[in-house]
Amino acid sequence: MFMLNLMFLAAVAAADAPIDRTGKWDVNGPLGPEQGSLAFTTSEGTWMNLDVHPDGDRLLFDLLGDLYLLSIDGGEAKRLTDGAAYDFQARFSPDGSQVLNT
């Protein structure tokens, strides 16, 4: 309920501001006027995709459109991607040296 209200308020605020549509579209560019940033801490998520590194020591997962790397023992996850593009269903290469983002 809270998240839905927050998204609704952001959409209403963005609808009032004019959008410049003269430039070339960029998938990583802003989707409209920026309203500021939101920082959060969480210990759970839903509708997430997960892959285990071939060495078995790290997890790769997506959360809210960004990719994260986490030790198999837990701790703080490191964000690998950010921006407007929605990154999800990533996988490690067979040797673990690269990440494939679908």
PDB file of N, CA and C in Angstrom:
ATOM      1  N   MET A   1       0.820  -1.179   0.000  1.00  0.00           N
ATOM      2  CA  MET A   1       0.000   0.000   0.000  1.00  0.00           C
ATOM      3  C   MET A   1       0.870   1.251   0.000  1.00  0.00           C
ATOM      4  N   PHE A   2       1.894   1.282   0.879  1.00  0.00           N
ATOM      5  CA  PHE A   2       2.771   2.443   0.951  1.00  0.00           C
ATOM      6  C   PHE A   2       3.508   2.646  -0.364  1.00  0.00           C
ATOM      7  N   MET A   3       4.052   1.554  -0.942  1.00  0.00           N
ATOM      8  CA  MET A   3       4.800   1.662  -2.187  1.00  0.00           C
ATOM      9  C   MET A   3       3.892   2.156  -3.309  1.00  0.00           C
ATOM     10  N   LEU A   4       2.667   1.660  -3.371  1.00  0.00           N
ATOM     11  CA  LEU A   4       1.728   2.084  -4.400  1.00  0.00           C
ATOM     12  C   LEU A   4       1.438   3.573  -4.275  1.00  0.00           C
ATOM     13  N   ASN A   5       1.212   4.065  -3.067  1.00  0.00           N
ATOM     14  CA  ASN A   5       0.955   5.486  -2.866  1.00  0.00           C
ATOM     15  C   ASN A   5       2.153   6.329  -3.255  1.00  0.00           C
ATOM     16  N   LEU A   6       3.366   5.872  -2.925  1.00  0.00           N
ATOM     17  CA  LEU A   6       4.579   6.587  -3.274  1.00  0.00           C
ATOM     18  C   LEU A   6       4.733   6.674  -4.786  1.00  0.00           C
ATOM     19  N   MET A   7       4.472   5.567  -5.485  1.00  0.00           N
ATOM     20  CA  MET A   7       4.577   5.565  -6.942  1.00  0.00           C
ATOM     21  C   MET A   7       3.515   6.470  -7.554  1.00  0.00           C
ATOM     22  N   PHE A   8       2.309   6.472  -7.014  1.00  0.00           N
ATOM     23  CA  PHE A   8       1.241   7.320  -7.519  1.00  0.00           C
ATOM     24  C   PHE A   8       1.614   8.790  -7.365  1.00  0.00           C
ATOM     25  N   LEU A   9       2.136   9.169  -6.200  1.00  0.00           N
ATOM     26  CA  LEU A   9       2.519  10.561  -5.969  1.00  0.00           C
ATOM     27  C   LEU A   9       3.642  10.992  -6.904  1.00  0.00           C
ATOM     28  N   ALA A  10       4.604  10.117  -7.154  1.00  0.00           N
ATOM     29  CA  ALA A  10       5.691  10.445  -8.070  1.00  0.00           C
ATOM     30  C   ALA A  10       5.155  10.620  -9.482  1.00  0.00           C
ATOM     31  N   ALA A  11       4.208   9.783  -9.895  1.00  0.00           N
ATOM     32  CA  ALA A  11       3.627   9.898 -11.237  1.00  0.00           C
ATOM     33  C   ALA A  11       2.838  11.185 -11.383  1.00  0.00           C
ATOM     34  N   VAL A  12       2.103  11.564 -10.356  1.00  0.00           N
ATOM     35  CA  VAL A  12       1.331  12.809 -10.412  1.00  0.00           C
ATOM     36  C   VAL A  12       2.268  14.003 -10.484  1.00  0.00           C
ATOM     37  N   ALA A  13       3.329  14.002  -9.681  1.00  0.00           N
ATOM     38  CA  ALA A  13       4.281  15.109  -9.696  1.00  0.00           C
ATOM     39  C   ALA A  13       4.983  15.207 -11.045  1.00  0.00           C
ATOM     40  N   ALA A  14       5.339  14.075 -11.637  1.00  0.00           N
ATOM     41  CA  ALA A  14       6.021  14.079 -12.929  1.00  0.00           C
ATOM     42  C   ALA A  14       5.089  14.517 -14.049  1.00  0.00           C
ATOM     43  N   ALA A  15       3.801  14.249 -13.923  1.00  0.00           N
ATOM     44  CA  ALA A  15       2.846  14.610 -14.971  1.00  0.00           C
ATOM     45  C   ALA A  15       2.709  16.119 -15.108  1.00  0.00           C
ATOM     46  N   ASP A  16       2.987  16.871 -14.064  1.00  0.00           N
ATOM     47  CA  ASP A  16       2.866  18.322 -14.105  1.00  0.00           C
ATOM     48  C   ASP A  16       4.033  18.998 -14.820  1.00  0.00           C
ATOM     49  N   ALA A  17       5.177  18.340 -14.894  1.00  0.00           N
ATOM     50  CA  ALA A  17       6.365  18.940 -15.489  1.00  0.00           C
ATOM     51  C   ALA A  17       6.439  18.616 -16.976  1.00  0.00           C
ATOM     52  N   PRO A  18       6.842  19.592 -17.810  1.00  0.00           N
ATOM     53  CA  PRO A  18       6.967  19.313 -19.247  1.00  0.00           C
ATOM     54  C   PRO A  18       8.147  18.378 -19.515  1.00  0.00           C
ATOM     55  N   ILE A  19       8.000  17.543 -20.507  1.00  0.00           N
ATOM     56  CA  ILE A  19       9.042  16.587 -20.880  1.00  0.00           C
ATOM     57  C   ILE A  19       9.626  17.000 -22.222  1.00  0.00           C
ATOM     58  N   ASP A  20      10.958  17.070 -22.293  1.00  0.00           N
ATOM     59  CA  ASP A  20      11.645  17.412 -23.536  1.00  0.00           C
ATOM     60  C   ASP A  20      11.734  16.162 -24.406  1.00  0.00           C
ATOM     61  N   ARG A  21      11.065  16.151 -25.524  1.00  0.00           N
ATOM     62  CA  ARG A  21      11.060  14.994 -26.423  1.00  0.00           C
ATOM     63  C   ARG A  21      11.822  15.279 -27.712  1.00  0.00           C
ATOM     64  N   THR A  22      12.696  16.280 -27.704  1.00  0.00           N
ATOM     65  CA  THR A  22      13.412  16.659 -28.916  1.00  0.00           C
ATOM     66  C   THR A  22      14.708  15.885 -29.113  1.00  0.00           C
ATOM     67  N   GLY A  23      15.265  15.353 -28.049  1.00  0.00           N
ATOM     68  CA  GLY A  23      16.540  14.653 -28.145  1.00  0.00           C
ATOM     69  C   GLY A  23      16.380  13.192 -28.512  1.00  0.00           C
ATOM     70  N   LYS A  24      17.511  12.515 -28.721  1.00  0.00           N
ATOM     71  CA  LYS A  24      17.525  11.090 -29.025  1.00  0.00           C
ATOM     72  C   LYS A  24      17.205  10.298 -27.760  1.00  0.00           C
ATOM     73  N   TRP A  25      16.363   9.277 -27.885  1.00  0.00           N
ATOM     74  CA  TRP A  25      15.975   8.467 -26.742  1.00  0.00           C
ATOM     75  C   TRP A  25      17.149   7.622 -26.278  1.00  0.00           C
ATOM     76  N   ASP A  26      17.332   7.547 -24.966  1.00  0.00           N
ATOM     77  CA  ASP A  26      18.410   6.779 -24.351  1.00  0.00           C
ATOM     78  C   ASP A  26      17.815   5.879 -23.283  1.00  0.00           C
ATOM     79  N   VAL A  27      17.973   4.572 -23.433  1.00  0.00           N
ATOM     80  CA  VAL A  27      17.394   3.628 -22.488  1.00  0.00           C
ATOM     81  C   VAL A  27      17.918   3.852 -21.067  1.00  0.00           C
ATOM     82  N   ASN A  28      19.123   4.383 -20.923  1.00  0.00           N
ATOM     83  CA  ASN A  28      19.685   4.632 -19.608  1.00  0.00           C
ATOM     84  C   ASN A  28      19.447   6.052 -19.121  1.00  0.00           C
ATOM     85  N   GLY A  29      18.819   6.868 -19.941  1.00  0.00           N
ATOM     86  CA  GLY A  29      18.536   8.245 -19.555  1.00  0.00           C
ATOM     87  C   GLY A  29      17.361   8.327 -18.597  1.00  0.00           C
ATOM     88  N   PRO A  30      17.135   9.505 -18.034  1.00  0.00           N
ATOM     89  CA  PRO A  30      16.005   9.668 -17.114  1.00  0.00           C
ATOM     90  C   PRO A  30      14.674   9.473 -17.834  1.00  0.00           C
ATOM     91  N   LEU A  31      13.708   8.932 -17.115  1.00  0.00           N
ATOM     92  CA  LEU A  31      12.389   8.674 -17.683  1.00  0.00           C
ATOM     93  C   LEU A  31      11.493   9.906 -17.618  1.00  0.00           C
ATOM     94  N   GLY A  32      11.937  10.931 -16.997  1.00  0.00           N
ATOM     95  CA  GLY A  32      11.187  12.172 -16.831  1.00  0.00           C
ATOM     96  C   GLY A  32      11.914  13.039 -15.841  1.00  0.00           C
ATOM     97  N   PRO A  33      11.273  14.080 -15.363  1.00  0.00           N
ATOM     98  CA  PRO A  33      11.928  14.943 -14.383  1.00  0.00           C
ATOM     99  C   PRO A  33      12.280  14.153 -13.125  1.00  0.00           C
ATOM    100  N   GLU A  34      13.489  14.347 -12.639  1.00  0.00           N
ATOM    101  CA  GLU A  34      13.907  13.632 -11.434  1.00  0.00           C
ATOM    102  C   GLU A  34      13.310  14.288 -10.206  1.00  0.00           C
ATOM    103  N   GLN A  35      12.810  13.468  -9.314  1.00  0.00           N
ATOM    104  CA  GLN A  35      12.162  13.954  -8.098  1.00  0.00           C
ATOM    105  C   GLN A  35      13.061  13.802  -6.879  1.00  0.00           C
ATOM    106  N   GLY A  36      14.295  13.390  -7.072  1.00  0.00           N
ATOM    107  CA  GLY A  36      15.206  13.151  -5.955  1.00  0.00           C
ATOM    108  C   GLY A  36      15.545  11.671  -5.891  1.00  0.00           C
ATOM    109  N   SER A  37      16.220  11.269  -4.863  1.00  0.00           N
ATOM    110  CA  SER A  37      16.607   9.869  -4.736  1.00  0.00           C
ATOM    111  C   SER A  37      15.974   9.255  -3.497  1.00  0.00           C
ATOM    112  N   LEU A  38      15.975   7.954  -3.479  1.00  0.00           N
ATOM    113  CA  LEU A  38      15.394   7.199  -2.373  1.00  0.00           C
ATOM    114  C   LEU A  38      16.409   6.152  -1.951  1.00  0.00           C
ATOM    115  N   ALA A  39      16.795   6.166  -0.708  1.00  0.00           N
ATOM    116  CA  ALA A  39      17.713   5.167  -0.163  1.00  0.00           C
ATOM    117  C   ALA A  39      16.923   4.242   0.750  1.00  0.00           C
ATOM    118  N   PHE A  40      17.255   2.943   0.699  1.00  0.00           N
ATOM    119  CA  PHE A  40      16.559   1.987   1.551  1.00  0.00           C
ATOM    120  C   PHE A  40      17.468   0.828   1.890  1.00  0.00           C
ATOM    121  N   THR A  41      17.137   0.140   2.944  1.00  0.00           N
ATOM    122  CA  THR A  41      17.821  -1.077   3.360  1.00  0.00           C
ATOM    123  C   THR A  41      16.771  -2.161   3.480  1.00  0.00           C
ATOM    124  N   THR A  42      17.083  -3.346   2.970  1.00  0.00           N
ATOM    125  CA  THR A  42      16.133  -4.448   3.051  1.00  0.00           C
ATOM    126  C   THR A  42      16.870  -5.756   3.300  1.00  0.00           C
ATOM    127  N   SER A  43      16.170  -6.702   3.835  1.00  0.00           N
ATOM    128  CA  SER A  43      16.739  -8.031   4.053  1.00  0.00           C
ATOM    129  C   SER A  43      15.942  -9.099   3.308  1.00  0.00           C
ATOM    130  N   GLU A  44      15.006  -8.668   2.462  1.00  0.00           N
ATOM    131  CA  GLU A  44      14.211  -9.615   1.687  1.00  0.00           C
ATOM    132  C   GLU A  44      13.685  -8.936   0.424  1.00  0.00           C
ATOM    133  N   GLY A  45      13.247  -9.750  -0.509  1.00  0.00           N
ATOM    134  CA  GLY A  45      12.684  -9.247  -1.752  1.00  0.00           C
ATOM    135  C   GLY A  45      11.773 -10.306  -2.362  1.00  0.00           C
ATOM    136  N   THR A  46      11.000  -9.907  -3.354  1.00  0.00           N
ATOM    137  CA  THR A  46      10.125 -10.843  -4.050  1.00  0.00           C
ATOM    138  C   THR A  46      10.385 -10.749  -5.551  1.00  0.00           C
ATOM    139  N   TRP A  47       9.981 -11.751  -6.281  1.00  0.00           N
ATOM    140  CA  TRP A  47      10.128 -11.831  -7.729  1.00  0.00           C
ATOM    141  C   TRP A  47      11.579 -11.582  -8.142  1.00  0.00           C
ATOM    142  N   MET A  48      12.498 -12.210  -7.413  1.00  0.00           N
ATOM    143  CA  MET A  48      13.924 -12.041  -7.678  1.00  0.00           C
ATOM    144  C   MET A  48      14.456 -13.240  -8.451  1.00  0.00           C
ATOM    145  N   ASN A  49      15.483 -13.010  -9.239  1.00  0.00           N
ATOM    146  CA  ASN A  49      16.188 -14.068  -9.951  1.00  0.00           C
ATOM    147  C   ASN A  49      17.573 -14.197  -9.334  1.00  0.00           C
ATOM    148  N   LEU A  50      18.095 -15.431  -9.268  1.00  0.00           N
ATOM    149  CA  LEU A  50      19.320 -15.713  -8.543  1.00  0.00           C
ATOM    150  C   LEU A  50      20.193 -16.671  -9.340  1.00  0.00           C
ATOM    151  N   ASP A  51      21.502 -16.453  -9.279  1.00  0.00           N
ATOM    152  CA  ASP A  51      22.450 -17.407  -9.843  1.00  0.00           C
ATOM    153  C   ASP A  51      23.615 -17.546  -8.868  1.00  0.00           C
ATOM    154  N   VAL A  52      24.172 -18.744  -8.788  1.00  0.00           N
ATOM    155  CA  VAL A  52      25.310 -19.020  -7.911  1.00  0.00           C
ATOM    156  C   VAL A  52      26.567 -19.071  -8.765  1.00  0.00           C
ATOM    157  N   HIS A  53      27.618 -18.387  -8.310  1.00  0.00           N
ATOM    158  CA  HIS A  53      28.909 -18.385  -9.008  1.00  0.00           C
ATOM    159  C   HIS A  53      29.407 -19.822  -9.131  1.00  0.00           C
ATOM    160  N   PRO A  54      30.096 -20.175 -10.223  1.00  0.00           N
ATOM    161  CA  PRO A  54      30.597 -21.550 -10.381  1.00  0.00           C
ATOM    162  C   PRO A  54      31.475 -22.019  -9.219  1.00  0.00           C
ATOM    163  N   ASP A  55      32.170 -21.111  -8.550  1.00  0.00           N
ATOM    164  CA  ASP A  55      32.989 -21.493  -7.392  1.00  0.00           C
ATOM    165  C   ASP A  55      32.149 -21.724  -6.141  1.00  0.00           C
ATOM    166  N   GLY A  56      30.870 -21.304  -6.192  1.00  0.00           N
ATOM    167  CA  GLY A  56      29.979 -21.491  -5.058  1.00  0.00           C
ATOM    168  C   GLY A  56      30.181 -20.495  -3.934  1.00  0.00           C
ATOM    169  N   ASP A  57      30.925 -19.411  -4.189  1.00  0.00           N
ATOM    170  CA  ASP A  57      31.220 -18.465  -3.115  1.00  0.00           C
ATOM    171  C   ASP A  57      30.422 -17.166  -3.182  1.00  0.00           C
ATOM    172  N   ARG A  58      29.712 -16.917  -4.295  1.00  0.00           N
ATOM    173  CA  ARG A  58      28.962 -15.670  -4.455  1.00  0.00           C
ATOM    174  C   ARG A  58      27.603 -15.918  -5.097  1.00  0.00           C
ATOM    175  N   LEU A  59      26.680 -15.001  -4.801  1.00  0.00           N
ATOM    176  CA  LEU A  59      25.352 -15.012  -5.407  1.00  0.00           C
ATOM    177  C   LEU A  59      25.194 -13.771  -6.259  1.00  0.00           C
ATOM    178  N   LEU A  60      24.533 -13.928  -7.390  1.00  0.00           N
ATOM    179  CA  LEU A  60      24.170 -12.822  -8.262  1.00  0.00           C
ATOM    180  C   LEU A  60      22.649 -12.768  -8.271  1.00  0.00           C
ATOM    181  N   PHE A  61      22.074 -11.599  -7.957  1.00  0.00           N
ATOM    182  CA  PHE A  61      20.618 -11.505  -7.944  1.00  0.00           C
ATOM    183  C   PHE A  61      20.167 -10.141  -8.441  1.00  0.00           C
ATOM    184  N   ASP A  62      18.888 -10.080  -8.825  1.00  0.00           N
ATOM    185  CA  ASP A  62      18.307  -8.798  -9.220  1.00  0.00           C
ATOM    186  C   ASP A  62      17.283  -8.374  -8.181  1.00  0.00           C
ATOM    187  N   LEU A  63      17.179  -7.070  -8.019  1.00  0.00           N
ATOM    188  CA  LEU A  63      16.218  -6.482  -7.083  1.00  0.00           C
ATOM    189  C   LEU A  63      15.851  -5.105  -7.613  1.00  0.00           C
ATOM    190  N   LEU A  64      14.587  -4.895  -7.878  1.00  0.00           N
ATOM    191  CA  LEU A  64      14.072  -3.608  -8.352  1.00  0.00           C
ATOM    192  C   LEU A  64      14.804  -3.093  -9.598  1.00  0.00           C
ATOM    193  N   GLY A  65      15.173  -4.018 -10.492  1.00  0.00           N
ATOM    194  CA  GLY A  65      15.760  -3.633 -11.770  1.00  0.00           C
ATOM    195  C   GLY A  65      17.256  -3.409 -11.766  1.00  0.00           C
ATOM    196  N   ASP A  66      17.925  -3.684 -10.660  1.00  0.00           N
ATOM    197  CA  ASP A  66      19.381  -3.580 -10.595  1.00  0.00           C
ATOM    198  C   ASP A  66      19.964  -4.937 -10.218  1.00  0.00           C
ATOM    199  N   LEU A  67      21.238  -5.156 -10.578  1.00  0.00           N
ATOM    200  CA  LEU A  67      21.924  -6.408 -10.267  1.00  0.00           C
ATOM    201  C   LEU A  67      22.836  -6.219  -9.069  1.00  0.00           C
ATOM    202  N   TYR A  68      22.898  -7.247  -8.228  1.00  0.00           N
ATOM    203  CA  TYR A  68      23.708  -7.208  -7.012  1.00  0.00           C
ATOM    204  C   TYR A  68      24.542  -8.475  -6.899  1.00  0.00           C
ATOM    205  N   LEU A  69      25.696  -8.337  -6.238  1.00  0.00           N
ATOM    206  CA  LEU A  69      26.582  -9.455  -5.947  1.00  0.00           C
ATOM    207  C   LEU A  69      26.693  -9.567  -4.430  1.00  0.00           C
ATOM    208  N   LEU A  70      26.553 -10.797  -3.910  1.00  0.00           N
ATOM    209  CA  LEU A  70      26.536 -11.026  -2.473  1.00  0.00           C
ATOM    210  C   LEU A  70      27.346 -12.272  -2.150  1.00  0.00           C
ATOM    211  N   SER A  71      28.115 -12.217  -1.075  1.00  0.00           N
ATOM    212  CA  SER A  71      28.837 -13.394  -0.610  1.00  0.00           C
ATOM    213  C   SER A  71      27.835 -14.482  -0.235  1.00  0.00           C
ATOM    214  N   ILE A  72      28.174 -15.723  -0.474  1.00  0.00           N
ATOM    215  CA  ILE A  72      27.291 -16.837  -0.129  1.00  0.00           C
ATOM    216  C   ILE A  72      27.075 -16.895   1.388  1.00  0.00           C
ATOM    217  N   ASP A  73      27.988 -16.283   2.154  1.00  0.00           N
ATOM    218  CA  ASP A  73      27.877 -16.248   3.612  1.00  0.00           C
ATOM    219  C   ASP A  73      26.988 -15.112   4.109  1.00  0.00           C
ATOM    220  N   GLY A  74      26.525 -14.262   3.199  1.00  0.00           N
ATOM    221  CA  GLY A  74      25.689 -13.127   3.588  1.00  0.00           C
ATOM    222  C   GLY A  74      26.491 -11.848   3.665  1.00  0.00           C
ATOM    223  N   GLY A  75      25.942 -10.855   4.338  1.00  0.00           N
ATOM    224  CA  GLY A  75      26.616  -9.567   4.463  1.00  0.00           C
ATOM    225  C   GLY A  75      25.934  -8.513   3.604  1.00  0.00           C
ATOM    226  N   GLU A  76      26.697  -7.510   3.207  1.00  0.00           N
ATOM    227  CA  GLU A  76      26.153  -6.416   2.408  1.00  0.00           C
ATOM    228  C   GLU A  76      26.352  -6.705   0.925  1.00  0.00           C
ATOM    229  N   ALA A  77      25.291  -6.570   0.152  1.00  0.00           N
ATOM    230  CA  ALA A  77      25.359  -6.807  -1.286  1.00  0.00           C
ATOM    231  C   ALA A  77      25.985  -5.606  -1.988  1.00  0.00           C
ATOM    232  N   LYS A  78      26.725  -5.863  -3.049  1.00  0.00           N
ATOM    233  CA  LYS A  78      27.337  -4.807  -3.858  1.00  0.00           C
ATOM    234  C   LYS A  78      26.497  -4.634  -5.125  1.00  0.00           C
ATOM    235  N   ARG A  79      26.025  -3.416  -5.379  1.00  0.00           N
ATOM    236  CA  ARG A  79      25.222  -3.174  -6.585  1.00  0.00           C
ATOM    237  C   ARG A  79      26.148  -3.109  -7.789  1.00  0.00           C
ATOM    238  N   LEU A  80      25.819  -3.878  -8.824  1.00  0.00           N
ATOM    239  CA  LEU A  80      26.611  -3.919 -10.051  1.00  0.00           C
ATOM    240  C   LEU A  80      26.058  -2.984 -11.128  1.00  0.00           C
ATOM    241  N   THR A  81      24.744  -2.796 -11.163  1.00  0.00           N
ATOM    242  CA  THR A  81      24.138  -1.937 -12.186  1.00  0.00           C
ATOM    243  C   THR A  81      23.153  -0.982 -11.528  1.00  0.00           C
ATOM    244  N   ASP A  82      22.910   0.126 -12.209  1.00  0.00           N
ATOM    245  CA  ASP A  82      21.884   1.065 -11.762  1.00  0.00           C
ATOM    246  C   ASP A  82      21.435   1.873 -12.977  1.00  0.00           C
ATOM    247  N   GLY A  83      20.446   2.680 -12.803  1.00  0.00           N
ATOM    248  CA  GLY A  83      19.948   3.508 -13.893  1.00  0.00           C
ATOM    249  C   GLY A  83      18.554   3.109 -14.304  1.00  0.00           C
ATOM    250  N   ALA A  84      18.097   3.722 -15.379  1.00  0.00           N
ATOM    251  CA  ALA A  84      16.724   3.529 -15.820  1.00  0.00           C
ATOM    252  C   ALA A  84      16.485   2.156 -16.455  1.00  0.00           C
ATOM    253  N   ALA A  85      17.513   1.578 -17.077  1.00  0.00           N
ATOM    254  CA  ALA A  85      17.343   0.271 -17.702  1.00  0.00           C
ATOM    255  C   ALA A  85      17.024  -0.775 -16.646  1.00  0.00           C
ATOM    256  N   TYR A  86      16.117  -1.700 -16.943  1.00  0.00           N
ATOM    257  CA  TYR A  86      15.683  -2.727 -15.998  1.00  0.00           C
ATOM    258  C   TYR A  86      16.519  -3.976 -16.218  1.00  0.00           C
ATOM    259  N   ASP A  87      17.468  -4.228 -15.325  1.00  0.00           N
ATOM    260  CA  ASP A  87      18.361  -5.381 -15.424  1.00  0.00           C
ATOM    261  C   ASP A  87      17.799  -6.531 -14.600  1.00  0.00           C
ATOM    262  N   PHE A  88      17.702  -7.710 -15.215  1.00  0.00           N
ATOM    263  CA  PHE A  88      17.158  -8.862 -14.495  1.00  0.00           C
ATOM    264  C   PHE A  88      17.586 -10.149 -15.180  1.00  0.00           C
ATOM    265  N   GLN A  89      17.400 -11.258 -14.493  1.00  0.00           N
ATOM    266  CA  GLN A  89      17.706 -12.609 -14.956  1.00  0.00           C
ATOM    267  C   GLN A  89      19.153 -12.765 -15.427  1.00  0.00           C
ATOM    268  N   ALA A  90      20.089 -12.162 -14.711  1.00  0.00           N
ATOM    269  CA  ALA A  90      21.507 -12.257 -15.065  1.00  0.00           C
ATOM    270  C   ALA A  90      22.057 -13.621 -14.653  1.00  0.00           C
ATOM    271  N   ARG A  91      23.094 -14.047 -15.356  1.00  0.00           N
ATOM    272  CA  ARG A  91      23.740 -15.327 -15.084  1.00  0.00           C
ATOM    273  C   ARG A  91      25.249 -15.172 -15.181  1.00  0.00           C
ATOM    274  N   PHE A  92      25.981 -15.976 -14.396  1.00  0.00           N
ATOM    275  CA  PHE A  92      27.430 -16.042 -14.522  1.00  0.00           C
ATOM    276  C   PHE A  92      27.790 -16.851 -15.760  1.00  0.00           C
ATOM    277  N   SER A  93      28.918 -16.506 -16.389  1.00  0.00           N
ATOM    278  CA  SER A  93      29.448 -17.340 -17.461  1.00  0.00           C
ATOM    279  C   SER A  93      29.923 -18.651 -16.844  1.00  0.00           C
ATOM    280  N   PRO A  94      30.113 -19.711 -17.646  1.00  0.00           N
ATOM    281  CA  PRO A  94      30.533 -20.996 -17.069  1.00  0.00           C
ATOM    282  C   PRO A  94      31.818 -20.932 -16.258  1.00  0.00           C
ATOM    283  N   ASP A  95      32.758 -20.049 -16.644  1.00  0.00           N
ATOM    284  CA  ASP A  95      33.993 -19.925 -15.874  1.00  0.00           C
ATOM    285  C   ASP A  95      33.896 -18.868 -14.765  1.00  0.00           C
ATOM    286  N   GLY A  96      32.754 -18.156 -14.691  1.00  0.00           N
ATOM    287  CA  GLY A  96      32.541 -17.173 -13.640  1.00  0.00           C
ATOM    288  C   GLY A  96      33.200 -15.832 -13.853  1.00  0.00           C
ATOM    289  N   SER A  97      33.840 -15.635 -14.999  1.00  0.00           N
ATOM    290  CA  SER A  97      34.578 -14.392 -15.229  1.00  0.00           C
ATOM    291  C   SER A  97      33.685 -13.249 -15.737  1.00  0.00           C
ATOM    292  N   GLN A  98      32.486 -13.581 -16.218  1.00  0.00           N
ATOM    293  CA  GLN A  98      31.604 -12.556 -16.779  1.00  0.00           C
ATOM    294  C   GLN A  98      30.166 -12.777 -16.289  1.00  0.00           C
ATOM    295  N   VAL A  99      29.379 -11.705 -16.427  1.00  0.00           N
ATOM    296  CA  VAL A  99      27.959 -11.764 -16.089  1.00  0.00           C
ATOM    297  C   VAL A  99      27.173 -11.447 -17.341  1.00  0.00           C
ATOM    298  N   LEU A 100      26.206 -12.288 -17.659  1.00  0.00           N
ATOM    299  CA  LEU A 100      25.315 -12.053 -18.797  1.00  0.00           C
ATOM    300  C   LEU A 100      24.013 -11.492 -18.253  1.00  0.00           C
ATOM    301  N   ASN A 101      23.631 -10.318 -18.760  1.00  0.00           N
ATOM    302  CA  ASN A 101      22.385  -9.674 -18.351  1.00  0.00           C
ATOM    303  C   ASN A 101      21.414  -9.772 -19.507  1.00  0.00           C
ATOM    304  N   THR A 102      20.260 -10.384 -19.277  1.00  0.00           N
ATOM    305  CA  THR A 102      19.290 -10.558 -20.361  1.00  0.00           C
ATOM    306  C   THR A 102      18.521  -9.289 -20.622  1.00  0.00           C
TER     307      THR A 102
END
